[in-house]
Amino acid sequence: MEKQLQQQLNQMAQYQRERGIQPPPQDDKEVLRLRKELEKAQSDVKNFATEKERLQAQLEMLVQELEKNQVELHEATKKLQMAPQRPAEDLSGQRKQLEDERRKIEEAKRQLEEQKRSAETKHRQVEEKERQLAELDRQLQKQQQQMDQLQASLQKAGGTAAAATELTKKLSDAEKKVEQAQEEAKRSATEMERLLQLVQMSQEEQNQKEKQIMELQQ
């Protein structure tokens, strides 16, 4: 949308030059101010989008690590469940193996907790970026209203009805781009929720396996 507004500003300036329209001094200042705000908005949106992609990639990596740890945890629990089936004379060896597996599971649990905290932090950071993008959208909407006011000034300064209609069409196109950006933000938030649910499910499964190990040790 920022690019669309920038094009509109350029077209308005060209339109004025071609027809020899001299807008009031305050309109010139307003155009310059809008240009600066648009340049800043363009930079902010680009930076936020890059950061958002980076955070989402990190969260996906965390989920992959959780899945890997869950496989290792499952194998360790499977070994413990098989331990009571061994001969009684191998009891000391079973106990040692049980302790080794227990230490592995404790380490896996610690890693899961760290990964869960990290995933929650990334999720909060993504939510903050979404909030900032929403604020940028609000600012761009405000600038669009200011563009409407400048359009009215052009008409008063001698602009034709055809030129005004063309500008109105471009503003309508810009509104559609804003709606598309909002839909993309919603899809991104849904994906973040899905990844966090995977993290939560992994934690619950780990707790269940730890309970089984404690029962085997009794």
Protein backbone atom coordinates (compact mmCIF):
# COMPACT_ATOMS: atom_id res chain seq x y z
CA MET A 1 0.00 0.00 0.00
CA GLU A 2 2.87 2.37 0.76
CA LYS A 3 4.12 1.95 -2.80
CA GLN A 4 0.63 2.71 -4.11
CA LEU A 5 0.42 5.90 -2.07
CA GLN A 6 3.89 6.92 -3.23
CA GLN A 7 2.80 6.50 -6.84
CA GLN A 8 -0.28 8.57 -6.18
CA LEU A 9 1.81 11.39 -4.74
CA ASN A 10 4.06 11.33 -7.80
CA GLN A 11 1.09 11.28 -10.16
CA MET A 12 -0.54 14.18 -8.36
CA ALA A 13 2.65 16.22 -8.61
CA GLN A 14 2.96 15.40 -12.33
CA TYR A 15 -0.69 16.25 -12.89
CA GLN A 16 -0.16 19.64 -11.28
CA ARG A 17 2.93 20.36 -13.38
CA GLU A 18 1.24 19.40 -16.67
CA ARG A 19 -1.71 21.69 -16.03
CA GLY A 20 0.20 24.51 -14.44
CA ILE A 21 -1.70 24.15 -11.18
CA GLN A 22 -0.08 25.85 -8.24
CA PRO A 23 -1.39 24.31 -5.02
CA PRO A 24 -1.46 26.38 -1.83
CA PRO A 25 1.86 26.41 0.10
CA GLN A 26 0.38 24.27 2.85
CA ASP A 27 -0.38 21.53 0.30
CA ASP A 28 3.27 21.47 -0.78
CA LYS A 29 4.32 21.02 2.83
CA GLU A 30 1.74 18.29 3.32
CA VAL A 31 2.99 16.38 0.27
CA LEU A 32 6.58 16.56 1.53
CA ARG A 33 5.50 15.36 4.96
CA LEU A 34 3.57 12.47 3.46
CA ARG A 35 6.56 11.49 1.33
CA LYS A 36 8.79 11.28 4.42
CA GLU A 37 6.21 9.27 6.34
CA LEU A 38 5.77 6.88 3.43
CA GLU A 39 9.51 6.32 3.11
CA LYS A 40 9.71 5.50 6.82
CA ALA A 41 6.67 3.21 6.60
CA GLN A 42 8.20 1.35 3.65
CA SER A 43 11.40 0.76 5.61
CA ASP A 44 9.52 -0.34 8.75
CA VAL A 45 7.29 -2.79 6.89
CA LYS A 46 10.30 -4.37 5.17
CA ASN A 47 12.19 -4.72 8.47
CA PHE A 48 9.18 -6.13 10.33
CA ALA A 49 8.49 -8.67 7.57
CA THR A 50 12.12 -9.85 7.62
CA GLU A 51 12.14 -10.17 11.41
CA LYS A 52 8.82 -12.00 11.39
CA GLU A 53 10.13 -14.56 8.88
CA ARG A 54 13.27 -15.07 10.98
CA LEU A 55 11.27 -15.68 14.15
CA GLN A 56 8.92 -18.10 12.41
CA ALA A 57 11.88 -20.07 11.01
CA GLN A 58 13.38 -20.32 14.51
CA LEU A 59 10.09 -21.55 15.94
CA GLU A 60 9.82 -24.23 13.27
CA MET A 61 13.36 -25.38 14.11
CA LEU A 62 12.38 -25.65 17.77
CA VAL A 63 9.43 -27.85 16.86
CA GLN A 64 11.73 -30.11 14.84
CA GLU A 65 14.06 -30.43 17.84
CA LEU A 66 11.11 -31.28 20.06
CA GLU A 67 10.02 -34.02 17.69
CA LYS A 68 13.56 -35.44 17.69
CA ASN A 69 13.68 -35.43 21.49
CA GLN A 70 10.30 -37.13 21.63
CA VAL A 71 11.62 -39.99 19.47
CA GLU A 72 14.61 -40.42 21.78
CA LEU A 73 12.33 -40.29 24.82
CA HIS A 74 10.08 -42.94 23.31
CA GLU A 75 13.04 -45.26 22.70
CA ALA A 76 14.27 -44.79 26.27
CA THR A 77 10.83 -45.55 27.71
CA LYS A 78 10.52 -48.62 25.51
CA LYS A 79 13.80 -49.97 26.89
CA LEU A 80 12.61 -49.38 30.46
CA GLN A 81 9.36 -51.21 29.81
CA MET A 82 11.32 -54.22 28.58
CA ALA A 83 13.66 -54.22 31.61
CA PRO A 84 11.41 -56.27 34.03
CA GLN A 85 11.32 -59.15 31.53
CA ARG A 86 15.04 -59.90 32.07
CA PRO A 87 16.27 -62.67 34.45
CA ALA A 88 16.36 -61.87 38.15
CA GLU A 89 20.16 -62.33 38.36
CA ASP A 90 20.59 -59.36 36.05
CA LEU A 91 18.78 -57.08 38.52
CA SER A 92 21.83 -54.91 39.28
CA GLY A 93 22.47 -54.39 35.57
CA GLN A 94 18.83 -53.50 35.06
CA ARG A 95 18.99 -50.95 37.86
CA LYS A 96 22.10 -49.35 36.37
CA GLN A 97 20.52 -49.21 32.95
CA LEU A 98 17.36 -47.79 34.50
CA GLU A 99 19.35 -45.01 36.14
CA ASP A 100 21.14 -44.25 32.87
CA GLU A 101 17.86 -44.03 30.99
CA ARG A 102 16.39 -41.91 33.77
CA ARG A 103 19.25 -39.42 33.44
CA LYS A 104 18.71 -39.28 29.69
CA ILE A 105 15.04 -38.58 30.21
CA GLU A 106 15.77 -35.87 32.78
CA GLU A 107 18.10 -34.22 30.26
CA ALA A 108 15.46 -34.51 27.55
CA LYS A 109 12.93 -32.98 29.92
CA ARG A 110 15.26 -30.06 30.64
CA GLN A 111 15.76 -29.46 26.93
CA LEU A 112 12.01 -29.63 26.31
CA GLU A 113 11.39 -27.03 29.00
CA GLU A 114 14.01 -24.72 27.51
CA GLN A 115 12.62 -25.18 24.03
CA LYS A 116 9.10 -24.54 25.25
CA ARG A 117 10.15 -21.29 26.93
CA SER A 118 12.04 -20.25 23.81
CA ALA A 119 9.04 -21.04 21.60
CA GLU A 120 6.74 -19.00 23.83
CA THR A 121 9.18 -16.09 23.67
CA LYS A 122 9.30 -16.28 19.87
CA HIS A 123 5.51 -16.37 19.78
CA ARG A 124 5.30 -13.21 21.88
CA GLN A 125 7.81 -11.52 19.60
CA VAL A 126 5.79 -12.46 16.54
CA GLU A 127 2.63 -11.11 18.19
CA GLU A 128 4.45 -7.83 18.86
CA LYS A 129 5.48 -7.61 15.20
CA GLU A 130 1.86 -8.24 14.20
CA ARG A 131 0.79 -5.41 16.51
CA GLN A 132 3.35 -3.07 14.99
CA LEU A 133 2.23 -3.99 11.48
CA ALA A 134 -1.37 -3.27 12.49
CA GLU A 135 -0.28 0.13 13.78
CA LEU A 136 1.49 0.83 10.49
CA ASP A 137 -1.69 -0.12 8.67
CA ARG A 138 -3.61 2.36 10.80
CA GLN A 139 -1.12 5.09 9.95
CA LEU A 140 -1.35 4.31 6.25
CA GLN A 141 -5.13 4.49 6.45
CA LYS A 142 -4.75 7.94 7.99
CA GLN A 143 -2.43 8.97 5.17
CA GLN A 144 -5.01 7.73 2.70
CA GLN A 145 -7.53 10.10 4.25
CA GLN A 146 -5.03 12.90 3.83
CA MET A 147 -4.67 11.91 0.18
CA ASP A 148 -8.44 12.35 -0.16
CA GLN A 149 -8.08 15.86 1.21
CA LEU A 150 -5.27 16.63 -1.25
CA GLN A 151 -7.43 15.30 -4.05
CA ALA A 152 -10.17 17.73 -3.04
CA SER A 153 -7.61 20.55 -3.04
CA LEU A 154 -6.61 19.61 -6.60
CA GLN A 155 -10.20 19.85 -7.74
CA LYS A 156 -10.55 23.28 -6.18
CA ALA A 157 -7.29 24.34 -7.83
CA GLY A 158 -8.63 23.46 -11.30
CA GLY A 159 -8.35 19.66 -11.63
CA THR A 160 -10.77 17.89 -13.94
CA ALA A 161 -13.42 15.40 -12.91
CA ALA A 162 -11.69 12.66 -14.93
CA ALA A 163 -8.43 13.12 -13.02
CA ALA A 164 -10.29 13.03 -9.71
CA THR A 165 -12.03 9.80 -10.73
CA GLU A 166 -8.69 8.20 -11.62
CA LEU A 167 -7.24 9.10 -8.23
CA THR A 168 -10.31 7.68 -6.49
CA LYS A 169 -9.83 4.40 -8.36
CA LYS A 170 -6.19 4.22 -7.27
CA LEU A 171 -7.19 4.83 -3.66
CA SER A 172 -9.70 1.98 -3.91
CA ASP A 173 -6.95 -0.32 -5.21
CA ALA A 174 -4.77 0.70 -2.26
CA GLU A 175 -7.57 -0.27 0.16
CA LYS A 176 -7.70 -3.75 -1.40
CA LYS A 177 -3.96 -4.16 -0.85
CA VAL A 178 -4.42 -3.28 2.82
CA GLU A 179 -7.12 -5.96 3.16
CA GLN A 180 -4.79 -8.53 1.56
CA ALA A 181 -2.03 -7.63 4.02
CA GLN A 182 -4.44 -8.08 6.93
CA GLU A 183 -5.46 -11.55 5.67
CA GLU A 184 -1.80 -12.54 5.40
CA ALA A 185 -1.23 -11.40 8.99
CA LYS A 186 -4.16 -13.58 10.16
CA ARG A 187 -2.75 -16.63 8.35
CA SER A 188 0.64 -16.04 9.95
CA ALA A 189 -0.93 -15.84 13.44
CA THR A 190 -2.79 -19.12 12.79
CA GLU A 191 0.47 -20.85 11.85
CA MET A 192 2.12 -19.58 15.05
CA GLU A 193 -0.73 -21.05 17.09
CA ARG A 194 -0.33 -24.41 15.33
CA LEU A 195 3.38 -24.55 16.13
CA LEU A 196 2.77 -23.70 19.78
CA GLN A 197 0.16 -26.45 20.02
CA LEU A 198 2.78 -28.91 18.79
CA VAL A 199 5.11 -27.71 21.54
CA GLN A 200 2.36 -28.16 24.16
CA MET A 201 1.51 -31.66 22.90
CA SER A 202 5.17 -32.66 23.08
CA GLN A 203 5.35 -31.45 26.69
CA GLU A 204 2.23 -33.41 27.68
CA GLU A 205 3.56 -36.58 26.04
CA GLN A 206 6.89 -36.16 27.84
CA ASN A 207 5.10 -35.82 31.20
CA GLN A 208 3.18 -39.03 30.53
CA LYS A 209 6.35 -40.97 29.70
CA GLU A 210 8.06 -39.65 32.82
CA LYS A 211 5.13 -40.94 34.87
CA GLN A 212 5.53 -44.38 33.29
CA ILE A 213 9.23 -44.42 34.18
CA MET A 214 8.48 -43.57 37.80
CA GLU A 215 6.01 -46.47 37.92
CA LEU A 216 8.65 -48.83 36.52
CA GLN A 217 11.14 -47.74 39.18
CA GLN A 218 8.77 -48.61 42.02
